[in-house]
Amino acid sequence: MDCSSLSPFQSELPEAIRLGIAPVCNNLAQIHPQEQSLVRHAITSRRNEFSSARLLAQELLASLGQPRRPLLAKSDRSPDWPENILGSISHSRKWCAVAIAKAEQSVLGLGLDIEDYRGLKPDLFPEILSPEELKELQHLKSHEEKVLRVLSAFSLKEAIYKSLYPFDNTGLGFQDIRLSFQSSRHPLLVQTCNLSQRLPKHCRLQLFSWPQDDYLLSVAVLLHGPPT
C-alpha cells in the first residue's frame, strides 16, 4: 500500500496534515498482533475495515517519523494515538481514510468522515439538516442533487464532531450545526450551538468536501487563528 498514491487531496489541506485513502480489503496479517486482538471476535467485514485503516494509519505515522508501535484503542474505542499526534479514522464498506497531524499550535483538532454513495429517503432529511438547511434544499431541482447535499451535510457534521473531540463535543447533534454550500468543495460553517463555549479563543474550523465517483470524503480542521 503506497500512501502517496492514495492521497489525491493532500495538496488542498493545511501543510501539517497527512491524508490517506485506501480500499477496504483483508490486511489482518499485516498489522501488529495486539491490533489484531482488538477485532479477534469481529465479523469478517469489520476485520477488513479495521485492518485496512490501521495499516494505512501506520504508514501515515511513519511518514511523520513516528516509531512503529501498535495503534490500540482507548476505553471509548477511539484510536489511542501517540501523545504528540492528532488523528482521525473513518471507513465505509469499500473505503477507509485516515488523517493525522502533529499536535502543534496551528492544528488543534482534526476530524474525518468517508461515506459510500447511497440512497436516502426524504423522511431522513430533517434528522440531518437544520430547518434553515432544509429551506435551502428546496432550491435544488433533482432528487439526486438533494441526496448528495444531505449526504454531504451528514458527512461534514460527522467530521466536525470528531474534530471537537479534544474539547467538548458532548450533546452536539446534527440540528446544532448549520452549513452553507455556496461552494460544493469548501462548505462553510455558518453556525454551531455554543461553539465559542467549547473551544479556545482565536480558533476556526476549516471544512473540505470531496465528492468522488463512489465515495464522499469530508475533513474538518480546527486551526488556531481568527476566522477568515
C-alpha atoms as a PDB file:
ATOM      1  CA  MET A   1       0.000   0.000   0.000  1.00  0.00           C
ATOM      2  CA  ASP A   2       1.545   3.301  -1.079  1.00  0.00           C
ATOM      3  CA  CYS A   3       0.073   6.239   0.802  1.00  0.00           C
ATOM      4  CA  SER A   4       1.459   8.779  -1.643  1.00  0.00           C
ATOM      5  CA  SER A   5      -0.754   7.355  -4.392  1.00  0.00           C
ATOM      6  CA  LEU A   6      -3.791   7.265  -2.110  1.00  0.00           C
ATOM      7  CA  SER A   7      -3.940  10.941  -1.117  1.00  0.00           C
ATOM      8  CA  PRO A   8      -5.242  12.874  -4.143  1.00  0.00           C
ATOM      9  CA  PHE A   9      -6.416  15.803  -1.984  1.00  0.00           C
ATOM     10  CA  GLN A  10      -3.253  16.206   0.081  1.00  0.00           C
ATOM     11  CA  SER A  11      -2.277  19.494  -1.577  1.00  0.00           C
ATOM     12  CA  GLU A  12      -5.579  21.152  -0.646  1.00  0.00           C
ATOM     13  CA  LEU A  13      -5.148  20.577   3.088  1.00  0.00           C
ATOM     14  CA  PRO A  14      -3.025  22.565   5.549  1.00  0.00           C
ATOM     15  CA  GLU A  15       0.609  21.523   5.220  1.00  0.00           C
ATOM     16  CA  ALA A  16       0.753  19.892   8.660  1.00  0.00           C
ATOM     17  CA  ILE A  17      -1.847  17.243   7.755  1.00  0.00           C
ATOM     18  CA  ARG A  18      -1.273  13.854   6.118  1.00  0.00           C
ATOM     19  CA  LEU A  19      -4.237  12.202   4.400  1.00  0.00           C
ATOM     20  CA  GLY A  20      -4.528   8.651   3.131  1.00  0.00           C
ATOM     21  CA  ILE A  21      -7.309   6.761   1.340  1.00  0.00           C
ATOM     22  CA  ALA A  22      -7.313   3.039   0.567  1.00  0.00           C
ATOM     23  CA  PRO A  23      -9.754   0.325  -0.482  1.00  0.00           C
ATOM     24  CA  VAL A  24     -11.030  -1.964   2.250  1.00  0.00           C
ATOM     25  CA  CYS A  25      -9.642  -5.496   1.998  1.00  0.00           C
ATOM     26  CA  ASN A  26      -8.163  -8.179   4.235  1.00  0.00           C
ATOM     27  CA  ASN A  27      -4.959  -6.735   5.738  1.00  0.00           C
ATOM     28  CA  LEU A  28      -5.201  -8.532   9.078  1.00  0.00           C
ATOM     29  CA  ALA A  29      -1.901 -10.398   8.654  1.00  0.00           C
ATOM     30  CA  GLN A  30      -0.056  -7.123   8.038  1.00  0.00           C
ATOM     31  CA  ILE A  31      -0.982  -5.344  11.278  1.00  0.00           C
ATOM     32  CA  HIS A  32       0.505  -5.848  14.750  1.00  0.00           C
ATOM     33  CA  PRO A  33      -0.769  -8.855  16.770  1.00  0.00           C
ATOM     34  CA  GLN A  34      -2.024  -6.501  19.505  1.00  0.00           C
ATOM     35  CA  GLU A  35      -4.043  -4.625  16.879  1.00  0.00           C
ATOM     36  CA  GLN A  36      -5.352  -7.942  15.553  1.00  0.00           C
ATOM     37  CA  SER A  37      -6.569  -8.823  19.041  1.00  0.00           C
ATOM     38  CA  LEU A  38      -8.956  -5.853  19.010  1.00  0.00           C
ATOM     39  CA  VAL A  39     -11.046  -7.491  16.274  1.00  0.00           C
ATOM     40  CA  ARG A  40     -10.380 -11.154  17.048  1.00  0.00           C
ATOM     41  CA  HIS A  41     -14.089 -11.884  17.535  1.00  0.00           C
ATOM     42  CA  ALA A  42     -15.426  -9.427  14.943  1.00  0.00           C
ATOM     43  CA  ILE A  43     -17.174 -10.388  11.725  1.00  0.00           C
ATOM     44  CA  THR A  44     -15.125 -10.529   8.518  1.00  0.00           C
ATOM     45  CA  SER A  45     -16.231  -7.140   7.179  1.00  0.00           C
ATOM     46  CA  ARG A  46     -15.295  -5.426  10.457  1.00  0.00           C
ATOM     47  CA  ARG A  47     -11.863  -7.114  10.467  1.00  0.00           C
ATOM     48  CA  ASN A  48     -11.256  -5.947   6.906  1.00  0.00           C
ATOM     49  CA  GLU A  49     -12.285  -2.366   7.674  1.00  0.00           C
ATOM     50  CA  PHE A  50     -10.214  -2.253  10.842  1.00  0.00           C
ATOM     51  CA  SER A  51      -7.065  -3.836   9.414  1.00  0.00           C
ATOM     52  CA  SER A  52      -7.118  -1.657   6.281  1.00  0.00           C
ATOM     53  CA  ALA A  53      -7.462   1.523   8.320  1.00  0.00           C
ATOM     54  CA  ARG A  54      -4.821   0.504  10.869  1.00  0.00           C
ATOM     55  CA  LEU A  55      -2.334  -0.373   8.136  1.00  0.00           C
ATOM     56  CA  LEU A  56      -2.939   2.979   6.452  1.00  0.00           C
ATOM     57  CA  ALA A  57      -2.599   4.812   9.778  1.00  0.00           C
ATOM     58  CA  GLN A  58       0.743   3.118  10.459  1.00  0.00           C
ATOM     59  CA  GLU A  59       2.107   4.189   7.078  1.00  0.00           C
ATOM     60  CA  LEU A  60       0.999   7.784   7.650  1.00  0.00           C
ATOM     61  CA  LEU A  61       2.542   7.787  11.123  1.00  0.00           C
ATOM     62  CA  ALA A  62       5.801   6.532   9.616  1.00  0.00           C
ATOM     63  CA  SER A  63       5.698   9.425   7.125  1.00  0.00           C
ATOM     64  CA  LEU A  64       5.796  11.786  10.118  1.00  0.00           C
ATOM     65  CA  GLY A  65       8.768   9.946  11.584  1.00  0.00           C
ATOM     66  CA  GLN A  66       6.814   8.107  14.260  1.00  0.00           C
ATOM     67  CA  PRO A  67       8.331   4.827  15.516  1.00  0.00           C
ATOM     68  CA  ARG A  68       6.260   1.736  14.800  1.00  0.00           C
ATOM     69  CA  ARG A  69       4.066   0.718  17.727  1.00  0.00           C
ATOM     70  CA  PRO A  70       0.585  -0.832  17.969  1.00  0.00           C
ATOM     71  CA  LEU A  71      -2.223   1.674  17.473  1.00  0.00           C
ATOM     72  CA  LEU A  72      -4.636   0.412  20.110  1.00  0.00           C
ATOM     73  CA  ALA A  73      -7.911   1.814  21.421  1.00  0.00           C
ATOM     74  CA  LYS A  74      -8.994   3.912  24.381  1.00  0.00           C
ATOM     75  CA  SER A  75     -11.854   2.928  26.678  1.00  0.00           C
ATOM     76  CA  ASP A  76     -14.308   4.731  24.362  1.00  0.00           C
ATOM     77  CA  ARG A  77     -12.937   2.694  21.405  1.00  0.00           C
ATOM     78  CA  SER A  78     -11.311   5.703  19.741  1.00  0.00           C
ATOM     79  CA  PRO A  79      -7.734   5.189  18.486  1.00  0.00           C
ATOM     80  CA  ASP A  80      -5.028   5.729  21.102  1.00  0.00           C
ATOM     81  CA  TRP A  81      -2.789   7.989  19.025  1.00  0.00           C
ATOM     82  CA  PRO A  82       0.785   8.766  20.097  1.00  0.00           C
ATOM     83  CA  GLU A  83       0.945  11.631  22.561  1.00  0.00           C
ATOM     84  CA  ASN A  84       2.046  14.240  20.024  1.00  0.00           C
ATOM     85  CA  ILE A  85      -0.337  13.183  17.227  1.00  0.00           C
ATOM     86  CA  LEU A  86      -3.876  14.224  16.299  1.00  0.00           C
ATOM     87  CA  GLY A  87      -5.675  11.704  14.143  1.00  0.00           C
ATOM     88  CA  SER A  88      -8.995  10.601  12.724  1.00  0.00           C
ATOM     89  CA  ILE A  89     -10.078   7.337  11.073  1.00  0.00           C
ATOM     90  CA  SER A  90     -13.183   6.584   9.039  1.00  0.00           C
ATOM     91  CA  HIS A  91     -14.299   3.747   6.825  1.00  0.00           C
ATOM     92  CA  SER A  92     -17.204   2.730   4.668  1.00  0.00           C
ATOM     93  CA  ARG A  93     -17.878  -0.702   3.224  1.00  0.00           C
ATOM     94  CA  LYS A  94     -15.488  -0.055   0.316  1.00  0.00           C
ATOM     95  CA  TRP A  95     -13.011   2.568   1.502  1.00  0.00           C
ATOM     96  CA  CYS A  96     -11.024   3.629   4.537  1.00  0.00           C
ATOM     97  CA  ALA A  97      -9.470   7.031   5.181  1.00  0.00           C
ATOM     98  CA  VAL A  98      -7.019   8.335   7.766  1.00  0.00           C
ATOM     99  CA  ALA A  99      -5.884  11.878   8.540  1.00  0.00           C
ATOM    100  CA  ILE A 100      -3.123  12.727  11.011  1.00  0.00           C
ATOM    101  CA  ALA A 101      -1.128  15.778  12.064  1.00  0.00           C
ATOM    102  CA  LYS A 102       1.475  16.596  14.659  1.00  0.00           C
ATOM    103  CA  ALA A 103      -0.192  18.218  17.637  1.00  0.00           C
ATOM    104  CA  GLU A 104       1.063  21.764  17.392  1.00  0.00           C
ATOM    105  CA  GLN A 105      -0.142  25.289  17.904  1.00  0.00           C
ATOM    106  CA  SER A 106      -1.644  25.676  14.416  1.00  0.00           C
ATOM    107  CA  VAL A 107      -3.715  22.437  14.353  1.00  0.00           C
ATOM    108  CA  LEU A 108      -5.957  21.966  17.386  1.00  0.00           C
ATOM    109  CA  GLY A 109      -8.411  19.345  16.146  1.00  0.00           C
ATOM    110  CA  LEU A 110      -8.895  17.020  13.182  1.00  0.00           C
ATOM    111  CA  GLY A 111     -11.967  15.126  12.005  1.00  0.00           C
ATOM    112  CA  LEU A 112     -12.566  12.857   9.018  1.00  0.00           C
ATOM    113  CA  ASP A 113     -15.522  11.012   7.501  1.00  0.00           C
ATOM    114  CA  ILE A 114     -15.900   8.871   4.383  1.00  0.00           C
ATOM    115  CA  GLU A 115     -19.233   7.650   3.013  1.00  0.00           C
ATOM    116  CA  ASP A 116     -20.247   5.344   0.184  1.00  0.00           C
ATOM    117  CA  TYR A 117     -22.870   6.873  -2.077  1.00  0.00           C
ATOM    118  CA  ARG A 118     -26.275   5.533  -1.156  1.00  0.00           C
ATOM    119  CA  GLY A 119     -29.899   6.478  -1.457  1.00  0.00           C
ATOM    120  CA  LEU A 120     -31.525   8.425   1.343  1.00  0.00           C
ATOM    121  CA  LYS A 121     -35.248   8.586   1.932  1.00  0.00           C
ATOM    122  CA  PRO A 122     -36.681  12.116   2.189  1.00  0.00           C
ATOM    123  CA  ASP A 123     -38.057  11.392   5.672  1.00  0.00           C
ATOM    124  CA  LEU A 124     -34.425  11.215   6.872  1.00  0.00           C
ATOM    125  CA  PHE A 125     -33.604  14.725   5.667  1.00  0.00           C
ATOM    126  CA  PRO A 126     -34.991  16.550   8.757  1.00  0.00           C
ATOM    127  CA  GLU A 127     -32.906  14.329  11.031  1.00  0.00           C
ATOM    128  CA  ILE A 128     -29.697  15.517   9.338  1.00  0.00           C
ATOM    129  CA  LEU A 129     -30.449  19.087   8.255  1.00  0.00           C
ATOM    130  CA  SER A 130     -31.337  22.116  10.349  1.00  0.00           C
ATOM    131  CA  PRO A 131     -34.570  23.967   9.445  1.00  0.00           C
ATOM    132  CA  GLU A 132     -32.520  26.595   7.576  1.00  0.00           C
ATOM    133  CA  GLU A 133     -30.662  23.910   5.626  1.00  0.00           C
ATOM    134  CA  LEU A 134     -33.964  22.246   4.717  1.00  0.00           C
ATOM    135  CA  LYS A 135     -35.181  25.508   3.199  1.00  0.00           C
ATOM    136  CA  GLU A 136     -32.038  25.760   1.061  1.00  0.00           C
ATOM    137  CA  LEU A 137     -32.583  22.172  -0.074  1.00  0.00           C
ATOM    138  CA  GLN A 138     -35.783  23.165  -1.849  1.00  0.00           C
ATOM    139  CA  HIS A 139     -33.793  25.209  -4.374  1.00  0.00           C
ATOM    140  CA  LEU A 140     -32.201  22.051  -5.782  1.00  0.00           C
ATOM    141  CA  LYS A 141     -34.023  20.593  -8.758  1.00  0.00           C
ATOM    142  CA  SER A 142     -33.363  16.850  -8.801  1.00  0.00           C
ATOM    143  CA  HIS A 143     -33.711  14.224  -6.101  1.00  0.00           C
ATOM    144  CA  GLU A 144     -30.121  13.138  -6.792  1.00  0.00           C
ATOM    145  CA  GLU A 145     -28.838  16.649  -6.041  1.00  0.00           C
ATOM    146  CA  LYS A 146     -30.791  16.723  -2.811  1.00  0.00           C
ATOM    147  CA  VAL A 147     -29.463  13.341  -1.722  1.00  0.00           C
ATOM    148  CA  LEU A 148     -25.871  14.435  -2.404  1.00  0.00           C
ATOM    149  CA  ARG A 149     -26.413  17.630  -0.403  1.00  0.00           C
ATOM    150  CA  VAL A 150     -27.873  15.755   2.561  1.00  0.00           C
ATOM    151  CA  LEU A 151     -25.143  13.104   2.453  1.00  0.00           C
ATOM    152  CA  SER A 152     -22.516  15.868   2.265  1.00  0.00           C
ATOM    153  CA  ALA A 153     -24.050  17.599   5.273  1.00  0.00           C
ATOM    154  CA  PHE A 154     -24.161  14.332   7.204  1.00  0.00           C
ATOM    155  CA  SER A 155     -20.513  13.582   6.425  1.00  0.00           C
ATOM    156  CA  LEU A 156     -19.294  17.090   7.247  1.00  0.00           C
ATOM    157  CA  LYS A 157     -21.164  17.167  10.541  1.00  0.00           C
ATOM    158  CA  GLU A 158     -19.599  13.835  11.472  1.00  0.00           C
ATOM    159  CA  ALA A 159     -16.166  15.286  10.662  1.00  0.00           C
ATOM    160  CA  ILE A 160     -16.880  18.424  12.717  1.00  0.00           C
ATOM    161  CA  TYR A 161     -17.987  16.301  15.666  1.00  0.00           C
ATOM    162  CA  LYS A 162     -14.718  14.333  15.507  1.00  0.00           C
ATOM    163  CA  SER A 163     -12.611  17.488  15.228  1.00  0.00           C
ATOM    164  CA  LEU A 164     -14.074  18.712  18.509  1.00  0.00           C
ATOM    165  CA  TYR A 165     -13.114  15.502  20.326  1.00  0.00           C
ATOM    166  CA  PRO A 166     -10.109  17.070  22.137  1.00  0.00           C
ATOM    167  CA  PHE A 167     -12.508  19.643  23.597  1.00  0.00           C
ATOM    168  CA  ASP A 168     -16.224  19.211  24.304  1.00  0.00           C
ATOM    169  CA  ASN A 169     -18.439  17.581  21.699  1.00  0.00           C
ATOM    170  CA  THR A 170     -20.975  16.156  24.160  1.00  0.00           C
ATOM    171  CA  GLY A 171     -24.572  16.979  23.402  1.00  0.00           C
ATOM    172  CA  LEU A 172     -23.790  18.240  19.908  1.00  0.00           C
ATOM    173  CA  GLY A 173     -26.293  16.987  17.334  1.00  0.00           C
ATOM    174  CA  PHE A 174     -26.987  17.396  13.637  1.00  0.00           C
ATOM    175  CA  GLN A 175     -29.517  20.157  14.331  1.00  0.00           C
ATOM    176  CA  ASP A 176     -26.907  22.201  16.193  1.00  0.00           C
ATOM    177  CA  ILE A 177     -24.699  22.632  13.120  1.00  0.00           C
ATOM    178  CA  ARG A 178     -25.645  24.723  10.093  1.00  0.00           C
ATOM    179  CA  LEU A 179     -23.623  24.648   6.885  1.00  0.00           C
ATOM    180  CA  SER A 180     -23.536  26.775   3.755  1.00  0.00           C
ATOM    181  CA  PHE A 181     -22.904  25.037   0.435  1.00  0.00           C
ATOM    182  CA  GLN A 182     -22.199  28.056  -1.753  1.00  0.00           C
ATOM    183  CA  SER A 183     -19.025  26.189  -2.689  1.00  0.00           C
ATOM    184  CA  SER A 184     -19.512  22.442  -3.096  1.00  0.00           C
ATOM    185  CA  ARG A 185     -15.888  21.584  -2.321  1.00  0.00           C
ATOM    186  CA  HIS A 186     -15.294  24.056   0.500  1.00  0.00           C
ATOM    187  CA  PRO A 187     -18.520  24.409   2.504  1.00  0.00           C
ATOM    188  CA  LEU A 188     -18.674  26.955   5.312  1.00  0.00           C
ATOM    189  CA  LEU A 189     -19.741  26.532   8.902  1.00  0.00           C
ATOM    190  CA  VAL A 190     -22.491  29.096   9.473  1.00  0.00           C
ATOM    191  CA  GLN A 191     -23.499  28.238  12.997  1.00  0.00           C
ATOM    192  CA  THR A 192     -22.743  25.705  15.714  1.00  0.00           C
ATOM    193  CA  CYS A 193     -24.569  25.599  19.019  1.00  0.00           C
ATOM    194  CA  ASN A 194     -22.357  27.102  21.753  1.00  0.00           C
ATOM    195  CA  LEU A 195     -19.197  26.579  19.697  1.00  0.00           C
ATOM    196  CA  SER A 196     -17.474  29.560  21.320  1.00  0.00           C
ATOM    197  CA  GLN A 197     -18.016  27.964  24.735  1.00  0.00           C
ATOM    198  CA  ARG A 198     -16.434  24.673  23.654  1.00  0.00           C
ATOM    199  CA  LEU A 199     -13.218  25.939  22.101  1.00  0.00           C
ATOM    200  CA  PRO A 200     -10.202  28.053  22.992  1.00  0.00           C
ATOM    201  CA  LYS A 201     -10.236  31.648  21.802  1.00  0.00           C
ATOM    202  CA  HIS A 202      -8.916  32.572  18.373  1.00  0.00           C
ATOM    203  CA  CYS A 203      -9.599  29.361  16.503  1.00  0.00           C
ATOM    204  CA  ARG A 204     -11.596  28.469  13.410  1.00  0.00           C
ATOM    205  CA  LEU A 205     -12.929  25.422  11.601  1.00  0.00           C
ATOM    206  CA  GLN A 206     -11.868  24.817   8.017  1.00  0.00           C
ATOM    207  CA  LEU A 207     -14.016  22.352   6.064  1.00  0.00           C
ATOM    208  CA  PHE A 208     -13.289  20.269   2.973  1.00  0.00           C
ATOM    209  CA  SER A 209     -15.650  18.071   0.955  1.00  0.00           C
ATOM    210  CA  TRP A 210     -14.613  15.895  -1.980  1.00  0.00           C
ATOM    211  CA  PRO A 211     -17.363  14.031  -3.886  1.00  0.00           C
ATOM    212  CA  GLN A 212     -15.904  11.230  -5.998  1.00  0.00           C
ATOM    213  CA  ASP A 213     -17.417   8.591  -8.264  1.00  0.00           C
ATOM    214  CA  ASP A 214     -18.250   6.120  -5.491  1.00  0.00           C
ATOM    215  CA  TYR A 215     -17.438   7.849  -2.195  1.00  0.00           C
ATOM    216  CA  LEU A 216     -17.672  11.183  -0.426  1.00  0.00           C
ATOM    217  CA  LEU A 217     -14.800  12.365   1.771  1.00  0.00           C
ATOM    218  CA  SER A 218     -15.068  15.158   4.358  1.00  0.00           C
ATOM    219  CA  VAL A 219     -12.398  16.728   6.564  1.00  0.00           C
ATOM    220  CA  ALA A 220     -12.775  19.274   9.364  1.00  0.00           C
ATOM    221  CA  VAL A 221      -9.656  21.014  10.680  1.00  0.00           C
ATOM    222  CA  LEU A 222      -9.696  23.146  13.808  1.00  0.00           C
ATOM    223  CA  LEU A 223      -6.986  25.754  13.370  1.00  0.00           C
ATOM    224  CA  HIS A 224      -5.509  28.368  15.648  1.00  0.00           C
ATOM    225  CA  GLY A 225      -6.212  31.866  14.330  1.00  0.00           C
ATOM    226  CA  PRO A 226      -9.095  34.269  13.665  1.00  0.00           C
ATOM    227  CA  PRO A 227     -11.902  33.327  11.229  1.00  0.00           C
ATOM    228  CA  THR A 228     -11.199  34.047   7.568  1.00  0.00           C
END
